Amino acid sequence: MGRFLFSISILSSTLIANDYGFNFDELEAIEIKSYEYNGYIKGDYKYQELDENYKNIYLGEFFLNYKYFKDNYTFHLDIMANYENIDNKEDDKTTLNQGFLNYKYDDNHQVYIGKKSPKWGKGYYINPIAFIDIKKDPNNPEASREGFTQLNYKYNKVLNSSIKNIAFDMVYIKTTKNNNEELYNENSNILAFKTYLLYKDIDIDLIYSYSDKDYNKIGFDFSTNIKTNFEIHGEYGRFDNGYYSYLLGLKYLTLDELTILSEYYSQNKTQEKNIPFWDKRYIINSFTQKEPFDILYFNLYYKNIYNIDDNSHQNKLGFIYSGIKNLELDTSISKNP
């Protein structure tokens, strides 16, 4: 079965950046704003060929991030609106990805309450220890994701020792059939704990998630730079029903500004086929070349997701042009052999 996908993505970002000058006498006259915001508007056209069937797909996306500051309080809001047209069948939805209040008691203690995405884990494409996060989309792993309503306490301390920094997170989540149901579709209580350590130059997270109805989970991750241009990272997560998964990865930047990202993912049990990385073993490789042949504002990229167990794979080749202010043009071709 052959598949051909042609996609053109246009990303328009709201960026606040103005050129201006001032002298030190004018510093007192500068007003510090109590808010900040940014966002983007994205449009996609995709033409898909699958055997003798063809599809025309139009996608639209609007994202807004807003923060308001008052004394020790910060209000954070992420809103995403999506439009979909597949062969003239339309659908749209608006999602509150995040909406939470942060209270910073002092430099060491903070509290968050509301809808929040913790984004736990070091992997770029999948995170075995993201027990209280929605899974990433492997085709768009950096996209904003919907969080869960929670109460989160965070403690942070800078140390003068081989352990340079320590942080502690405690998260409480209540699930029902109508709230946080993606985690567990019944009344349940979830407590998740994360301890972060910066040991010399190694980032380490230790994770434990308790549920009074679902499986308990434990895991850890690490990330470190062997050289300034060479990073390695990994994760391991385990449920108390015997399921486990792990990831090992590297990221390398060459002198010619070629970024190489490679990750190996493995789990001991297969999952439902409608979710990403459902089979047991995968290798993900991506290559991004900045300004090849010295073409300004032009990036060339290639990504391959390979299923080791059934030898299937997905290839994507494309380029990004960003030479127009606040506008990005992304053109790509994908093929599944």
C-alpha atoms as a PDB file:
ATOM      1  CA  MET A   1       0.000   0.000   0.000  1.00  0.00           C
ATOM      2  CA  GLY A   2       1.518   3.265  -1.051  1.00  0.00           C
ATOM      3  CA  ARG A   3       0.747   6.631   0.409  1.00  0.00           C
ATOM      4  CA  PHE A   4       1.681  10.044  -0.829  1.00  0.00           C
ATOM      5  CA  LEU A   5       1.131  13.167   1.214  1.00  0.00           C
ATOM      6  CA  PHE A   6       1.906  16.692   0.070  1.00  0.00           C
ATOM      7  CA  SER A   7       1.558  19.405   2.687  1.00  0.00           C
ATOM      8  CA  ILE A   8       2.024  23.138   2.690  1.00  0.00           C
ATOM      9  CA  SER A   9       1.991  24.800   6.112  1.00  0.00           C
ATOM     10  CA  ILE A  10       1.980  28.531   6.709  1.00  0.00           C
ATOM     11  CA  LEU A  11       2.793  29.629  10.252  1.00  0.00           C
ATOM     12  CA  SER A  12       2.181  33.223  11.218  1.00  0.00           C
ATOM     13  CA  SER A  13       3.326  34.172  14.711  1.00  0.00           C
ATOM     14  CA  THR A  14       2.415  37.207  16.737  1.00  0.00           C
ATOM     15  CA  LEU A  15       5.791  38.512  17.902  1.00  0.00           C
ATOM     16  CA  ILE A  16       6.292  41.758  19.749  1.00  0.00           C
ATOM     17  CA  ALA A  17       9.674  43.143  18.717  1.00  0.00           C
ATOM     18  CA  ASN A  18      10.319  46.791  17.951  1.00  0.00           C
ATOM     19  CA  ASP A  19      13.592  48.636  17.363  1.00  0.00           C
ATOM     20  CA  TYR A  20      13.987  51.569  19.701  1.00  0.00           C
ATOM     21  CA  GLY A  21      16.651  53.414  21.650  1.00  0.00           C
ATOM     22  CA  PHE A  22      16.836  55.020  25.078  1.00  0.00           C
ATOM     23  CA  ASN A  23      19.338  56.517  27.466  1.00  0.00           C
ATOM     24  CA  PHE A  24      19.690  55.893  31.179  1.00  0.00           C
ATOM     25  CA  ASP A  25      17.731  59.033  32.055  1.00  0.00           C
ATOM     26  CA  GLU A  26      14.719  57.501  30.332  1.00  0.00           C
ATOM     27  CA  LEU A  27      14.809  54.209  32.243  1.00  0.00           C
ATOM     28  CA  GLU A  28      12.523  55.491  34.991  1.00  0.00           C
ATOM     29  CA  ALA A  29       9.913  56.445  32.394  1.00  0.00           C
ATOM     30  CA  ILE A  30       9.671  52.901  31.018  1.00  0.00           C
ATOM     31  CA  GLU A  31       6.480  51.273  32.178  1.00  0.00           C
ATOM     32  CA  ILE A  32       6.699  47.589  33.042  1.00  0.00           C
ATOM     33  CA  LYS A  33       3.608  45.945  31.587  1.00  0.00           C
ATOM     34  CA  SER A  34       1.447  43.776  33.781  1.00  0.00           C
ATOM     35  CA  TYR A  35       0.767  41.339  30.952  1.00  0.00           C
ATOM     36  CA  GLU A  36       2.334  39.666  27.929  1.00  0.00           C
ATOM     37  CA  TYR A  37       0.937  37.652  25.060  1.00  0.00           C
ATOM     38  CA  ASN A  38       1.963  35.835  21.906  1.00  0.00           C
ATOM     39  CA  GLY A  39       0.398  33.444  19.439  1.00  0.00           C
ATOM     40  CA  TYR A  40       0.145  32.278  15.884  1.00  0.00           C
ATOM     41  CA  ILE A  41      -2.230  31.538  13.045  1.00  0.00           C
ATOM     42  CA  LYS A  42      -1.469  28.402  11.041  1.00  0.00           C
ATOM     43  CA  GLY A  43      -2.950  27.137   7.804  1.00  0.00           C
ATOM     44  CA  ASP A  44      -2.337  23.748   6.149  1.00  0.00           C
ATOM     45  CA  TYR A  45      -3.285  22.315   2.813  1.00  0.00           C
ATOM     46  CA  LYS A  46      -2.636  18.586   2.357  1.00  0.00           C
ATOM     47  CA  TYR A  47      -3.148  16.420  -0.676  1.00  0.00           C
ATOM     48  CA  GLN A  48      -3.189  12.700   0.158  1.00  0.00           C
ATOM     49  CA  GLU A  49      -3.071   9.731  -2.173  1.00  0.00           C
ATOM     50  CA  LEU A  50      -3.804   6.286  -0.759  1.00  0.00           C
ATOM     51  CA  ASP A  51      -4.042   3.564  -3.417  1.00  0.00           C
ATOM     52  CA  GLU A  52      -6.651   5.031  -5.813  1.00  0.00           C
ATOM     53  CA  ASN A  53      -8.309   7.195  -3.194  1.00  0.00           C
ATOM     54  CA  TYR A  54      -7.551  10.901  -2.954  1.00  0.00           C
ATOM     55  CA  LYS A  55      -8.170  13.425  -0.220  1.00  0.00           C
ATOM     56  CA  ASN A  56      -7.983  17.189  -0.069  1.00  0.00           C
ATOM     57  CA  ILE A  57      -7.433  18.354   3.494  1.00  0.00           C
ATOM     58  CA  TYR A  58      -7.588  21.931   4.765  1.00  0.00           C
ATOM     59  CA  LEU A  59      -6.571  22.654   8.351  1.00  0.00           C
ATOM     60  CA  GLY A  60      -6.590  25.885  10.306  1.00  0.00           C
ATOM     61  CA  GLU A  61      -5.206  26.584  13.764  1.00  0.00           C
ATOM     62  CA  PHE A  62      -5.184  29.623  16.034  1.00  0.00           C
ATOM     63  CA  PHE A  63      -3.175  29.696  19.268  1.00  0.00           C
ATOM     64  CA  LEU A  64      -3.033  32.407  21.936  1.00  0.00           C
ATOM     65  CA  ASN A  65      -0.837  32.489  25.032  1.00  0.00           C
ATOM     66  CA  TYR A  66      -1.622  35.184  27.602  1.00  0.00           C
ATOM     67  CA  LYS A  67      -0.047  35.978  30.992  1.00  0.00           C
ATOM     68  CA  TYR A  68      -1.132  38.556  33.556  1.00  0.00           C
ATOM     69  CA  PHE A  69       1.103  39.542  36.494  1.00  0.00           C
ATOM     70  CA  LYS A  70      -0.036  41.016  39.796  1.00  0.00           C
ATOM     71  CA  ASP A  71       2.308  41.080  42.817  1.00  0.00           C
ATOM     72  CA  ASN A  72       3.204  37.427  43.484  1.00  0.00           C
ATOM     73  CA  TYR A  73       0.420  36.089  41.259  1.00  0.00           C
ATOM     74  CA  THR A  74       0.555  35.084  37.587  1.00  0.00           C
ATOM     75  CA  PHE A  75      -2.466  34.080  35.539  1.00  0.00           C
ATOM     76  CA  HIS A  76      -1.610  31.892  32.537  1.00  0.00           C
ATOM     77  CA  LEU A  77      -3.975  31.171  29.636  1.00  0.00           C
ATOM     78  CA  ASP A  78      -3.484  29.032  26.505  1.00  0.00           C
ATOM     79  CA  ILE A  79      -6.341  28.822  23.984  1.00  0.00           C
ATOM     80  CA  MET A  80      -6.333  26.831  20.745  1.00  0.00           C
ATOM     81  CA  ALA A  81      -8.984  26.869  17.993  1.00  0.00           C
ATOM     82  CA  ASN A  82      -8.906  24.289  15.180  1.00  0.00           C
ATOM     83  CA  TYR A  83     -10.721  24.033  11.846  1.00  0.00           C
ATOM     84  CA  GLU A  84     -10.778  20.901   9.650  1.00  0.00           C
ATOM     85  CA  ASN A  85     -12.128  20.332   6.147  1.00  0.00           C
ATOM     86  CA  ILE A  86     -11.621  16.852   4.678  1.00  0.00           C
ATOM     87  CA  ASP A  87     -13.215  16.513   1.239  1.00  0.00           C
ATOM     88  CA  ASN A  88     -15.746  19.221   2.161  1.00  0.00           C
ATOM     89  CA  LYS A  89     -16.649  17.638   5.515  1.00  0.00           C
ATOM     90  CA  GLU A  90     -16.092  20.389   8.076  1.00  0.00           C
ATOM     91  CA  ASP A  91     -15.370  20.302  11.789  1.00  0.00           C
ATOM     92  CA  ASP A  92     -14.113  22.855  14.295  1.00  0.00           C
ATOM     93  CA  LYS A  93     -13.433  23.090  18.002  1.00  0.00           C
ATOM     94  CA  THR A  94     -11.953  25.464  20.570  1.00  0.00           C
ATOM     95  CA  THR A  95      -9.869  24.090  23.431  1.00  0.00           C
ATOM     96  CA  LEU A  96      -8.613  25.600  26.659  1.00  0.00           C
ATOM     97  CA  ASN A  97      -5.191  23.972  26.734  1.00  0.00           C
ATOM     98  CA  GLN A  98      -4.089  25.682  29.935  1.00  0.00           C
ATOM     99  CA  GLY A  99      -5.724  28.072  32.366  1.00  0.00           C
ATOM    100  CA  PHE A 100      -4.112  28.285  35.796  1.00  0.00           C
ATOM    101  CA  LEU A 101      -3.160  30.660  38.585  1.00  0.00           C
ATOM    102  CA  ASN A 102       0.391  30.646  39.960  1.00  0.00           C
ATOM    103  CA  TYR A 103       1.208  32.039  43.400  1.00  0.00           C
ATOM    104  CA  LYS A 104       4.896  32.510  44.197  1.00  0.00           C
ATOM    105  CA  TYR A 105       5.258  32.639  47.973  1.00  0.00           C
ATOM    106  CA  ASP A 106       9.026  33.244  47.783  1.00  0.00           C
ATOM    107  CA  ASP A 107      12.017  32.100  45.743  1.00  0.00           C
ATOM    108  CA  ASN A 108      11.583  28.514  46.972  1.00  0.00           C
ATOM    109  CA  HIS A 109       7.837  27.892  47.173  1.00  0.00           C
ATOM    110  CA  GLN A 110       5.120  28.114  44.476  1.00  0.00           C
ATOM    111  CA  VAL A 111       1.564  26.867  44.045  1.00  0.00           C
ATOM    112  CA  TYR A 112      -0.334  26.302  40.784  1.00  0.00           C
ATOM    113  CA  ILE A 113      -4.073  25.685  40.562  1.00  0.00           C
ATOM    114  CA  GLY A 114      -6.088  25.108  37.390  1.00  0.00           C
ATOM    115  CA  LYS A 115      -5.643  23.399  34.045  1.00  0.00           C
ATOM    116  CA  LYS A 116      -1.942  22.801  33.390  1.00  0.00           C
ATOM    117  CA  SER A 117       0.352  20.650  31.233  1.00  0.00           C
ATOM    118  CA  PRO A 118       3.447  19.674  33.265  1.00  0.00           C
ATOM    119  CA  LYS A 119       5.434  18.417  30.206  1.00  0.00           C
ATOM    120  CA  TRP A 120       7.465  15.853  32.148  1.00  0.00           C
ATOM    121  CA  GLY A 121      10.195  13.902  30.369  1.00  0.00           C
ATOM    122  CA  LYS A 122      13.310  14.505  28.281  1.00  0.00           C
ATOM    123  CA  GLY A 123      12.333  12.743  25.023  1.00  0.00           C
ATOM    124  CA  TYR A 124      11.544  14.859  21.966  1.00  0.00           C
ATOM    125  CA  TYR A 125       8.966  12.534  20.331  1.00  0.00           C
ATOM    126  CA  ILE A 126       7.616  10.408  23.180  1.00  0.00           C
ATOM    127  CA  ASN A 127       7.882  10.463  26.978  1.00  0.00           C
ATOM    128  CA  PRO A 128       7.548   7.182  28.940  1.00  0.00           C
ATOM    129  CA  ILE A 129       7.364   9.097  32.254  1.00  0.00           C
ATOM    130  CA  ALA A 130       4.748  11.688  31.211  1.00  0.00           C
ATOM    131  CA  PHE A 131       2.189   9.986  33.450  1.00  0.00           C
ATOM    132  CA  ILE A 132      -0.009  13.092  33.811  1.00  0.00           C
ATOM    133  CA  ASP A 133       0.415  14.527  30.298  1.00  0.00           C
ATOM    134  CA  ILE A 134      -1.423  13.900  27.034  1.00  0.00           C
ATOM    135  CA  LYS A 135       0.851  12.084  24.586  1.00  0.00           C
ATOM    136  CA  LYS A 136       2.744  14.088  21.983  1.00  0.00           C
ATOM    137  CA  ASP A 137       1.821  14.030  18.312  1.00  0.00           C
ATOM    138  CA  PRO A 138       4.931  12.536  16.613  1.00  0.00           C
ATOM    139  CA  ASN A 139       4.221  14.661  13.520  1.00  0.00           C
ATOM    140  CA  ASN A 140       4.173  17.839  15.615  1.00  0.00           C
ATOM    141  CA  PRO A 141       5.851  17.060  18.961  1.00  0.00           C
ATOM    142  CA  GLU A 142       6.375  20.705  19.937  1.00  0.00           C
ATOM    143  CA  ALA A 143       2.708  21.644  19.606  1.00  0.00           C
ATOM    144  CA  SER A 144       0.832  22.946  22.622  1.00  0.00           C
ATOM    145  CA  ARG A 145      -1.108  20.179  24.399  1.00  0.00           C
ATOM    146  CA  GLU A 146      -4.182  20.231  26.595  1.00  0.00           C
ATOM    147  CA  GLY A 147      -3.459  19.865  30.291  1.00  0.00           C
ATOM    148  CA  PHE A 148      -5.403  18.456  33.232  1.00  0.00           C
ATOM    149  CA  THR A 149      -7.096  20.367  36.063  1.00  0.00           C
ATOM    150  CA  GLN A 150      -4.849  20.018  39.096  1.00  0.00           C
ATOM    151  CA  LEU A 151      -3.323  21.433  42.241  1.00  0.00           C
ATOM    152  CA  ASN A 152       0.469  21.618  42.058  1.00  0.00           C
ATOM    153  CA  TYR A 153       2.970  22.568  44.772  1.00  0.00           C
ATOM    154  CA  LYS A 154       6.580  23.229  43.722  1.00  0.00           C
ATOM    155  CA  TYR A 155       9.690  23.633  45.870  1.00  0.00           C
ATOM    156  CA  ASN A 156      13.024  24.769  44.420  1.00  0.00           C
ATOM    157  CA  LYS A 157      16.408  25.245  46.078  1.00  0.00           C
ATOM    158  CA  VAL A 158      19.835  26.227  44.708  1.00  0.00           C
ATOM    159  CA  LEU A 159      22.714  24.472  46.477  1.00  0.00           C
ATOM    160  CA  ASN A 160      26.444  25.030  46.668  1.00  0.00           C
ATOM    161  CA  SER A 161      27.590  21.435  46.238  1.00  0.00           C
ATOM    162  CA  SER A 162      27.898  18.700  43.609  1.00  0.00           C
ATOM    163  CA  ILE A 163      24.074  18.772  43.593  1.00  0.00           C
ATOM    164  CA  LYS A 164      23.622  22.297  42.231  1.00  0.00           C
ATOM    165  CA  ASN A 165      19.843  22.429  42.287  1.00  0.00           C
ATOM    166  CA  ILE A 166      16.971  20.424  43.738  1.00  0.00           C
ATOM    167  CA  ALA A 167      13.253  20.809  43.003  1.00  0.00           C
ATOM    168  CA  PHE A 168      10.183  18.948  44.189  1.00  0.00           C
ATOM    169  CA  ASP A 169       6.705  18.784  42.609  1.00  0.00           C
ATOM    170  CA  MET A 170       3.569  17.377  44.228  1.00  0.00           C
ATOM    171  CA  VAL A 171       0.463  17.226  42.004  1.00  0.00           C
ATOM    172  CA  TYR A 172      -3.093  16.287  42.966  1.00  0.00           C
ATOM    173  CA  ILE A 173      -5.614  15.454  40.208  1.00  0.00           C
ATOM    174  CA  LYS A 174      -9.267  14.495  40.668  1.00  0.00           C
ATOM    175  CA  THR A 175     -10.809  12.542  37.784  1.00  0.00           C
ATOM    176  CA  THR A 176     -14.486  11.995  36.982  1.00  0.00           C
ATOM    177  CA  LYS A 177     -16.443  10.963  33.885  1.00  0.00           C
ATOM    178  CA  ASN A 178     -16.589  14.631  32.862  1.00  0.00           C
ATOM    179  CA  ASN A 179     -13.299  16.026  34.173  1.00  0.00           C
ATOM    180  CA  ASN A 180      -9.761  14.780  33.469  1.00  0.00           C
ATOM    181  CA  GLU A 181     -11.394  11.664  32.006  1.00  0.00           C
ATOM    182  CA  GLU A 182      -8.440  11.063  29.644  1.00  0.00           C
ATOM    183  CA  LEU A 183      -6.424   9.992  32.683  1.00  0.00           C
ATOM    184  CA  TYR A 184      -9.138   7.777  34.187  1.00  0.00           C
ATOM    185  CA  ASN A 185     -12.822   7.726  33.197  1.00  0.00           C
ATOM    186  CA  GLU A 186     -14.233   7.286  36.694  1.00  0.00           C
ATOM    187  CA  ASN A 187     -14.048   8.981  40.078  1.00  0.00           C
ATOM    188  CA  SER A 188     -10.463   8.635  41.246  1.00  0.00           C
ATOM    189  CA  ASN A 189      -7.683  10.518  43.003  1.00  0.00           C
ATOM    190  CA  ILE A 190      -4.178  10.784  41.583  1.00  0.00           C
ATOM    191  CA  LEU A 191      -1.072  11.977  43.409  1.00  0.00           C
ATOM    192  CA  ALA A 192       2.081  12.477  41.354  1.00  0.00           C
ATOM    193  CA  PHE A 193       5.511  13.359  42.719  1.00  0.00           C
ATOM    194  CA  LYS A 194       8.595  14.527  40.863  1.00  0.00           C
ATOM    195  CA  THR A 195      12.038  15.155  42.339  1.00  0.00           C
ATOM    196  CA  TYR A 196      14.484  17.025  40.137  1.00  0.00           C
ATOM    197  CA  LEU A 197      18.252  17.040  40.703  1.00  0.00           C
ATOM    198  CA  LEU A 198      20.993  18.872  38.839  1.00  0.00           C
ATOM    199  CA  TYR A 199      23.968  16.695  39.759  1.00  0.00           C
ATOM    200  CA  LYS A 200      27.109  18.335  38.334  1.00  0.00           C
ATOM    201  CA  ASP A 201      26.000  18.662  34.673  1.00  0.00           C
ATOM    202  CA  ILE A 202      23.340  15.914  34.679  1.00  0.00           C
ATOM    203  CA  ASP A 203      19.600  16.674  34.862  1.00  0.00           C
ATOM    204  CA  ILE A 204      17.757  13.884  36.705  1.00  0.00           C
ATOM    205  CA  ASP A 205      14.031  13.449  37.407  1.00  0.00           C
ATOM    206  CA  LEU A 206      12.549  10.802  39.733  1.00  0.00           C
ATOM    207  CA  ILE A 207       8.795  10.225  39.272  1.00  0.00           C
ATOM    208  CA  TYR A 208       6.106   8.410  41.243  1.00  0.00           C
ATOM    209  CA  SER A 209       2.361   8.464  40.458  1.00  0.00           C
ATOM    210  CA  TYR A 210      -0.246   6.997  42.832  1.00  0.00           C
ATOM    211  CA  SER A 211      -3.900   6.317  41.976  1.00  0.00           C
ATOM    212  CA  ASP A 212      -6.577   4.903  44.260  1.00  0.00           C
ATOM    213  CA  LYS A 213      -8.286   3.245  41.241  1.00  0.00           C
ATOM    214  CA  ASP A 214      -5.754   2.886  38.407  1.00  0.00           C
ATOM    215  CA  TYR A 215      -2.207   1.484  38.202  1.00  0.00           C
ATOM    216  CA  ASN A 216       0.594   3.128  40.155  1.00  0.00           C
ATOM    217  CA  LYS A 217       3.611   4.229  38.115  1.00  0.00           C
ATOM    218  CA  ILE A 218       7.287   4.911  38.715  1.00  0.00           C
ATOM    219  CA  GLY A 219      10.018   6.256  36.472  1.00  0.00           C
ATOM    220  CA  PHE A 220      13.104   8.391  35.967  1.00  0.00           C
ATOM    221  CA  ASP A 221      14.816  10.379  33.249  1.00  0.00           C
ATOM    222  CA  PHE A 222      18.185  12.026  32.626  1.00  0.00           C
ATOM    223  CA  SER A 223      19.786  14.484  30.242  1.00  0.00           C
ATOM    224  CA  THR A 224      23.354  15.732  29.944  1.00  0.00           C
ATOM    225  CA  ASN A 225      25.724  17.332  27.485  1.00  0.00           C
ATOM    226  CA  ILE A 226      28.851  15.298  26.764  1.00  0.00           C
ATOM    227  CA  LYS A 227      30.052  18.343  24.814  1.00  0.00           C
ATOM    228  CA  THR A 228      28.349  21.681  24.231  1.00  0.00           C
ATOM    229  CA  ASN A 229      27.058  20.360  20.888  1.00  0.00           C
ATOM    230  CA  PHE A 230      26.336  16.759  21.953  1.00  0.00           C
ATOM    231  CA  GLU A 231      23.436  15.832  24.248  1.00  0.00           C
ATOM    232  CA  ILE A 232      22.269  12.409  25.410  1.00  0.00           C
ATOM    233  CA  HIS A 233      18.983  11.718  27.209  1.00  0.00           C
ATOM    234  CA  GLY A 234      16.823   8.839  28.371  1.00  0.00           C
ATOM    235  CA  GLU A 235      13.657   7.822  30.204  1.00  0.00           C
ATOM    236  CA  TYR A 236      12.256   4.722  31.892  1.00  0.00           C
ATOM    237  CA  GLY A 237       8.670   4.268  33.106  1.00  0.00           C
ATOM    238  CA  ARG A 238       6.983   1.275  34.723  1.00  0.00           C
ATOM    239  CA  PHE A 239       3.391   0.481  35.787  1.00  0.00           C
ATOM    240  CA  ASP A 240       2.705  -1.881  38.685  1.00  0.00           C
ATOM    241  CA  ASN A 241       0.849  -4.223  36.290  1.00  0.00           C
ATOM    242  CA  GLY A 242       4.213  -5.140  34.730  1.00  0.00           C
ATOM    243  CA  TYR A 243       4.112  -2.797  31.721  1.00  0.00           C
ATOM    244  CA  TYR A 244       7.271  -0.784  31.109  1.00  0.00           C
ATOM    245  CA  SER A 245       8.773   1.391  28.395  1.00  0.00           C
ATOM    246  CA  TYR A 246      12.014   3.266  27.909  1.00  0.00           C
ATOM    247  CA  LEU A 247      13.701   5.703  25.555  1.00  0.00           C
ATOM    248  CA  LEU A 248      17.329   6.515  24.717  1.00  0.00           C
ATOM    249  CA  GLY A 249      18.269   9.463  22.549  1.00  0.00           C
ATOM    250  CA  LEU A 250      20.948  11.836  21.360  1.00  0.00           C
ATOM    251  CA  LYS A 251      21.096  15.264  19.783  1.00  0.00           C
ATOM    252  CA  TYR A 252      24.194  16.439  17.912  1.00  0.00           C
ATOM    253  CA  LEU A 253      25.006  19.738  16.206  1.00  0.00           C
ATOM    254  CA  THR A 254      27.783  19.696  13.625  1.00  0.00           C
ATOM    255  CA  LEU A 255      30.088  22.588  12.750  1.00  0.00           C
ATOM    256  CA  ASP A 256      28.062  23.067   9.555  1.00  0.00           C
ATOM    257  CA  GLU A 257      24.889  23.516  11.690  1.00  0.00           C
ATOM    258  CA  LEU A 258      23.350  20.174  10.852  1.00  0.00           C
ATOM    259  CA  THR A 259      21.190  19.042  13.800  1.00  0.00           C
ATOM    260  CA  ILE A 260      20.943  15.254  14.181  1.00  0.00           C
ATOM    261  CA  LEU A 261      18.295  13.901  16.544  1.00  0.00           C
ATOM    262  CA  SER A 262      17.951  10.149  17.093  1.00  0.00           C
ATOM    263  CA  GLU A 263      15.770   8.263  19.584  1.00  0.00           C
ATOM    264  CA  TYR A 264      15.133   4.581  20.297  1.00  0.00           C
ATOM    265  CA  TYR A 265      11.833   3.688  21.984  1.00  0.00           C
ATOM    266  CA  SER A 266      10.858   0.279  23.370  1.00  0.00           C
ATOM    267  CA  GLN A 267       7.930  -1.146  25.354  1.00  0.00           C
ATOM    268  CA  ASN A 268       7.221  -4.700  26.467  1.00  0.00           C
ATOM    269  CA  LYS A 269       3.560  -4.726  25.375  1.00  0.00           C
ATOM    270  CA  THR A 270       1.812  -3.456  22.252  1.00  0.00           C
ATOM    271  CA  GLN A 271      -0.921  -0.827  22.551  1.00  0.00           C
ATOM    272  CA  GLU A 272      -4.075  -0.055  20.586  1.00  0.00           C
ATOM    273  CA  LYS A 273      -3.228   0.752  16.965  1.00  0.00           C
ATOM    274  CA  ASN A 274      -4.994   4.118  17.015  1.00  0.00           C
ATOM    275  CA  ILE A 275      -2.290   5.694  19.213  1.00  0.00           C
ATOM    276  CA  PRO A 276       1.231   6.752  18.181  1.00  0.00           C
ATOM    277  CA  PHE A 277       4.040   4.242  18.761  1.00  0.00           C
ATOM    278  CA  TRP A 278       1.647   1.357  19.422  1.00  0.00           C
ATOM    279  CA  ASP A 279       4.116  -1.424  18.495  1.00  0.00           C
ATOM    280  CA  LYS A 280       7.047  -2.593  20.622  1.00  0.00           C
ATOM    281  CA  ARG A 281      10.159  -0.949  19.107  1.00  0.00           C
ATOM    282  CA  TYR A 282      10.828   2.209  17.101  1.00  0.00           C
ATOM    283  CA  ILE A 283      13.742   4.303  15.917  1.00  0.00           C
ATOM    284  CA  ILE A 284      13.152   7.979  15.133  1.00  0.00           C
ATOM    285  CA  ASN A 285      15.771   9.965  13.226  1.00  0.00           C
ATOM    286  CA  SER A 286      15.587  13.576  12.115  1.00  0.00           C
ATOM    287  CA  PHE A 287      18.083  15.811  10.340  1.00  0.00           C
ATOM    288  CA  THR A 288      17.773  19.595  10.064  1.00  0.00           C
ATOM    289  CA  GLN A 289      20.240  21.636   8.034  1.00  0.00           C
ATOM    290  CA  LYS A 290      20.281  25.366   8.724  1.00  0.00           C
ATOM    291  CA  GLU A 291      20.746  27.543   5.626  1.00  0.00           C
ATOM    292  CA  PRO A 292      22.128  24.878   3.257  1.00  0.00           C
ATOM    293  CA  PHE A 293      24.339  26.266   0.459  1.00  0.00           C
ATOM    294  CA  ASP A 294      24.300  29.563   2.422  1.00  0.00           C
ATOM    295  CA  ILE A 295      20.679  30.250   1.443  1.00  0.00           C
ATOM    296  CA  LEU A 296      19.464  32.713   4.073  1.00  0.00           C
ATOM    297  CA  TYR A 297      16.265  32.028   6.053  1.00  0.00           C
ATOM    298  CA  PHE A 298      16.060  28.513   4.591  1.00  0.00           C
ATOM    299  CA  ASN A 299      16.100  25.257   6.603  1.00  0.00           C
ATOM    300  CA  LEU A 300      16.023  21.765   5.078  1.00  0.00           C
ATOM    301  CA  TYR A 301      14.790  18.793   7.124  1.00  0.00           C
ATOM    302  CA  TYR A 302      14.202  15.045   6.906  1.00  0.00           C
ATOM    303  CA  LYS A 303      12.477  12.748   9.428  1.00  0.00           C
ATOM    304  CA  ASN A 304      12.098   8.971   9.518  1.00  0.00           C
ATOM    305  CA  ILE A 305      10.019   6.925  11.998  1.00  0.00           C
ATOM    306  CA  TYR A 306      10.890   3.233  11.678  1.00  0.00           C
ATOM    307  CA  ASN A 307       8.915   0.367  13.246  1.00  0.00           C
ATOM    308  CA  ILE A 308      11.522  -2.316  13.955  1.00  0.00           C
ATOM    309  CA  ASP A 309       8.977  -5.104  14.463  1.00  0.00           C
ATOM    310  CA  ASP A 310       7.072  -4.902  11.160  1.00  0.00           C
ATOM    311  CA  ASN A 311       9.671  -2.921   9.122  1.00  0.00           C
ATOM    312  CA  SER A 312       7.177  -0.190   8.268  1.00  0.00           C
ATOM    313  CA  HIS A 313       8.334   3.396   8.283  1.00  0.00           C
ATOM    314  CA  GLN A 314       7.276   6.962   7.583  1.00  0.00           C
ATOM    315  CA  ASN A 315       9.462   9.443   5.720  1.00  0.00           C
ATOM    316  CA  LYS A 316       9.075  13.195   5.579  1.00  0.00           C
ATOM    317  CA  LEU A 317      11.234  15.619   3.572  1.00  0.00           C
ATOM    318  CA  GLY A 318      10.659  19.349   3.621  1.00  0.00           C
ATOM    319  CA  PHE A 319      11.967  22.867   3.906  1.00  0.00           C
ATOM    320  CA  ILE A 320      11.086  25.942   5.944  1.00  0.00           C
ATOM    321  CA  TYR A 321      11.488  29.498   4.706  1.00  0.00           C
ATOM    322  CA  SER A 322      11.334  32.326   7.280  1.00  0.00           C
ATOM    323  CA  GLY A 323      12.567  35.334   5.293  1.00  0.00           C
ATOM    324  CA  ILE A 324       9.323  37.280   5.742  1.00  0.00           C
ATOM    325  CA  LYS A 325       8.755  38.914   9.120  1.00  0.00           C
ATOM    326  CA  ASN A 326       6.342  36.961  11.336  1.00  0.00           C
ATOM    327  CA  LEU A 327       5.673  34.455   8.553  1.00  0.00           C
ATOM    328  CA  GLU A 328       6.959  30.919   8.038  1.00  0.00           C
ATOM    329  CA  LEU A 329       6.432  28.744   4.974  1.00  0.00           C
ATOM    330  CA  ASP A 330       6.747  24.974   5.468  1.00  0.00           C
ATOM    331  CA  THR A 331       6.531  22.676   2.425  1.00  0.00           C
ATOM    332  CA  SER A 332       6.965  18.918   2.734  1.00  0.00           C
ATOM    333  CA  ILE A 333       6.435  15.538   1.105  1.00  0.00           C
ATOM    334  CA  SER A 334       5.635  12.424   3.158  1.00  0.00           C
ATOM    335  CA  LYS A 335       5.625   8.827   2.043  1.00  0.00           C
ATOM    336  CA  ASN A 336       4.785   5.557   3.790  1.00  0.00           C
ATOM    337  CA  PRO A 337       6.233   2.625   1.768  1.00  0.00           C
END
